[in-house]
Amino acid sequence: MLRHGWRTGAIVPELHTEIRIINTEQYMHSLTWLQALTGLLERMQVHHDAESKMVLNEWLKERQELRSVTKNLFNPQFGSIFRSYHNPTYFSRRLCRFSDLY
């Protein structure tokens, strides 16, 4: 069934900047390594010997630094306007809820 009606659009000038940053080589490389590192951390948690814990702590530190780097690519104070680590921001949720096109 085809429905006709009002559609709501939002003009978000920051979206242009966010897309440009997401398409950079640095961001793509950082995000790929961040996902790989998270997978390694998940698999490593079953090991409890001292050497494994040391490696785990180093990877946790590296992941935190990488998160900071990717956040700072967008905005040093608050990062992306659309995402906060793994979760969408409040602004992003409201935008998706009330706008069909942005």
C-alpha atoms as a PDB file:
ATOM      1  CA  MET A   1       0.000   0.000   0.000  1.00  0.00           C
ATOM      2  CA  LEU A   2       1.395   3.337  -1.047  1.00  0.00           C
ATOM      3  CA  ARG A   3       0.850   6.049   1.537  1.00  0.00           C
ATOM      4  CA  HIS A   4       1.135   9.740   0.853  1.00  0.00           C
ATOM      5  CA  GLY A   5       1.607  12.295   3.530  1.00  0.00           C
ATOM      6  CA  TRP A   6       3.966  14.711   5.143  1.00  0.00           C
ATOM      7  CA  ARG A   7       7.625  13.916   5.429  1.00  0.00           C
ATOM      8  CA  THR A   8       9.968  15.776   7.724  1.00  0.00           C
ATOM      9  CA  GLY A   9      13.477  16.752   6.731  1.00  0.00           C
ATOM     10  CA  ALA A  10      16.244  18.125   8.901  1.00  0.00           C
ATOM     11  CA  ILE A  11      19.117  20.268   7.727  1.00  0.00           C
ATOM     12  CA  VAL A  12      22.189  19.300   9.724  1.00  0.00           C
ATOM     13  CA  PRO A  13      25.273  21.225   8.533  1.00  0.00           C
ATOM     14  CA  GLU A  14      27.550  19.151  10.802  1.00  0.00           C
ATOM     15  CA  LEU A  15      26.632  16.033   8.847  1.00  0.00           C
ATOM     16  CA  HIS A  16      28.890  17.133   5.961  1.00  0.00           C
ATOM     17  CA  THR A  17      31.881  17.363   8.300  1.00  0.00           C
ATOM     18  CA  GLU A  18      31.104  14.030   9.985  1.00  0.00           C
ATOM     19  CA  ILE A  19      30.843  12.220   6.640  1.00  0.00           C
ATOM     20  CA  ARG A  20      34.118  13.770   5.447  1.00  0.00           C
ATOM     21  CA  ILE A  21      35.880  12.562   8.622  1.00  0.00           C
ATOM     22  CA  ILE A  22      34.346   9.079   8.415  1.00  0.00           C
ATOM     23  CA  ASN A  23      35.680   8.720   4.864  1.00  0.00           C
ATOM     24  CA  THR A  24      39.288   9.557   5.802  1.00  0.00           C
ATOM     25  CA  GLU A  25      41.929   6.851   5.735  1.00  0.00           C
ATOM     26  CA  GLN A  26      42.910   7.588   9.352  1.00  0.00           C
ATOM     27  CA  TYR A  27      39.372   7.088  10.652  1.00  0.00           C
ATOM     28  CA  MET A  28      38.798   3.886   8.674  1.00  0.00           C
ATOM     29  CA  HIS A  29      42.122   2.448   9.847  1.00  0.00           C
ATOM     30  CA  SER A  30      41.446   3.424  13.467  1.00  0.00           C
ATOM     31  CA  LEU A  31      37.945   1.962  13.413  1.00  0.00           C
ATOM     32  CA  THR A  32      39.118  -1.298  11.818  1.00  0.00           C
ATOM     33  CA  TRP A  33      41.868  -1.735  14.404  1.00  0.00           C
ATOM     34  CA  LEU A  34      39.468  -0.782  17.213  1.00  0.00           C
ATOM     35  CA  GLN A  35      37.036  -3.507  16.145  1.00  0.00           C
ATOM     36  CA  ALA A  36      39.839  -6.060  15.817  1.00  0.00           C
ATOM     37  CA  LEU A  37      41.233  -5.100  19.213  1.00  0.00           C
ATOM     38  CA  THR A  38      37.797  -5.445  20.814  1.00  0.00           C
ATOM     39  CA  GLY A  39      37.486  -8.949  19.328  1.00  0.00           C
ATOM     40  CA  LEU A  40      40.903  -9.886  20.694  1.00  0.00           C
ATOM     41  CA  LEU A  41      39.959  -8.564  24.131  1.00  0.00           C
ATOM     42  CA  GLU A  42      36.766 -10.618  24.153  1.00  0.00           C
ATOM     43  CA  ARG A  43      38.623 -13.829  23.290  1.00  0.00           C
ATOM     44  CA  MET A  44      41.477 -13.132  25.707  1.00  0.00           C
ATOM     45  CA  GLN A  45      39.276 -12.788  28.801  1.00  0.00           C
ATOM     46  CA  VAL A  46      39.189 -16.547  29.426  1.00  0.00           C
ATOM     47  CA  HIS A  47      42.946 -16.656  30.130  1.00  0.00           C
ATOM     48  CA  HIS A  48      43.963 -15.927  33.717  1.00  0.00           C
ATOM     49  CA  ASP A  49      47.747 -16.363  33.786  1.00  0.00           C
ATOM     50  CA  ALA A  50      49.998 -13.366  34.536  1.00  0.00           C
ATOM     51  CA  GLU A  51      51.313 -12.956  30.992  1.00  0.00           C
ATOM     52  CA  SER A  52      47.793 -12.987  29.513  1.00  0.00           C
ATOM     53  CA  LYS A  53      46.619 -10.422  32.035  1.00  0.00           C
ATOM     54  CA  MET A  54      49.559  -8.183  31.152  1.00  0.00           C
ATOM     55  CA  VAL A  55      48.727  -8.412  27.432  1.00  0.00           C
ATOM     56  CA  LEU A  56      45.056  -7.804  28.227  1.00  0.00           C
ATOM     57  CA  ASN A  57      45.903  -4.646  30.199  1.00  0.00           C
ATOM     58  CA  GLU A  58      48.109  -3.348  27.366  1.00  0.00           C
ATOM     59  CA  TRP A  59      45.318  -3.924  24.857  1.00  0.00           C
ATOM     60  CA  LEU A  60      42.789  -2.205  27.140  1.00  0.00           C
ATOM     61  CA  LYS A  61      45.085   0.809  27.379  1.00  0.00           C
ATOM     62  CA  GLU A  62      45.588   0.832  23.603  1.00  0.00           C
ATOM     63  CA  ARG A  63      41.818   0.593  23.019  1.00  0.00           C
ATOM     64  CA  GLN A  64      41.190   3.560  25.319  1.00  0.00           C
ATOM     65  CA  GLU A  65      43.827   5.631  23.509  1.00  0.00           C
ATOM     66  CA  LEU A  66      42.339   4.665  20.136  1.00  0.00           C
ATOM     67  CA  ARG A  67      38.862   5.650  21.307  1.00  0.00           C
ATOM     68  CA  SER A  68      40.210   9.056  22.318  1.00  0.00           C
ATOM     69  CA  VAL A  69      41.936   9.498  18.958  1.00  0.00           C
ATOM     70  CA  THR A  70      38.784   8.673  16.988  1.00  0.00           C
ATOM     71  CA  LYS A  71      36.674  10.923  19.219  1.00  0.00           C
ATOM     72  CA  ASN A  72      39.102  13.810  18.781  1.00  0.00           C
ATOM     73  CA  LEU A  73      38.887  13.510  14.997  1.00  0.00           C
ATOM     74  CA  PHE A  74      35.340  14.853  15.266  1.00  0.00           C
ATOM     75  CA  ASN A  75      35.450  17.265  18.198  1.00  0.00           C
ATOM     76  CA  PRO A  76      37.891  17.216  21.145  1.00  0.00           C
ATOM     77  CA  GLN A  77      35.200  18.233  23.654  1.00  0.00           C
ATOM     78  CA  PHE A  78      32.406  15.777  22.852  1.00  0.00           C
ATOM     79  CA  GLY A  79      33.266  13.710  19.751  1.00  0.00           C
ATOM     80  CA  SER A  80      30.710  12.882  17.092  1.00  0.00           C
ATOM     81  CA  ILE A  81      27.267  14.438  17.336  1.00  0.00           C
ATOM     82  CA  PHE A  82      25.786  11.090  16.283  1.00  0.00           C
ATOM     83  CA  ARG A  83      27.603   8.505  18.374  1.00  0.00           C
ATOM     84  CA  SER A  84      29.015   8.110  21.863  1.00  0.00           C
ATOM     85  CA  TYR A  85      31.294   5.042  21.847  1.00  0.00           C
ATOM     86  CA  HIS A  86      28.862   2.249  20.902  1.00  0.00           C
ATOM     87  CA  ASN A  87      25.612   4.119  21.478  1.00  0.00           C
ATOM     88  CA  PRO A  88      23.800   6.742  19.425  1.00  0.00           C
ATOM     89  CA  THR A  89      23.696  10.159  21.074  1.00  0.00           C
ATOM     90  CA  TYR A  90      20.481  11.732  22.291  1.00  0.00           C
ATOM     91  CA  PHE A  91      20.606  14.109  19.322  1.00  0.00           C
ATOM     92  CA  SER A  92      20.917  11.187  16.913  1.00  0.00           C
ATOM     93  CA  ARG A  93      17.990   9.323  18.450  1.00  0.00           C
ATOM     94  CA  ARG A  94      15.771  12.423  18.329  1.00  0.00           C
ATOM     95  CA  LEU A  95      16.813  13.144  14.738  1.00  0.00           C
ATOM     96  CA  CYS A  96      15.965   9.611  13.610  1.00  0.00           C
ATOM     97  CA  ARG A  97      12.683   9.652  15.482  1.00  0.00           C
ATOM     98  CA  PHE A  98      11.346  12.960  14.192  1.00  0.00           C
ATOM     99  CA  SER A  99      12.948  13.268  10.768  1.00  0.00           C
ATOM    100  CA  ASP A 100      12.582  11.100   7.667  1.00  0.00           C
ATOM    101  CA  LEU A 101      15.392  12.765   5.752  1.00  0.00           C
ATOM    102  CA  TYR A 102      18.536  14.453   6.994  1.00  0.00           C
END
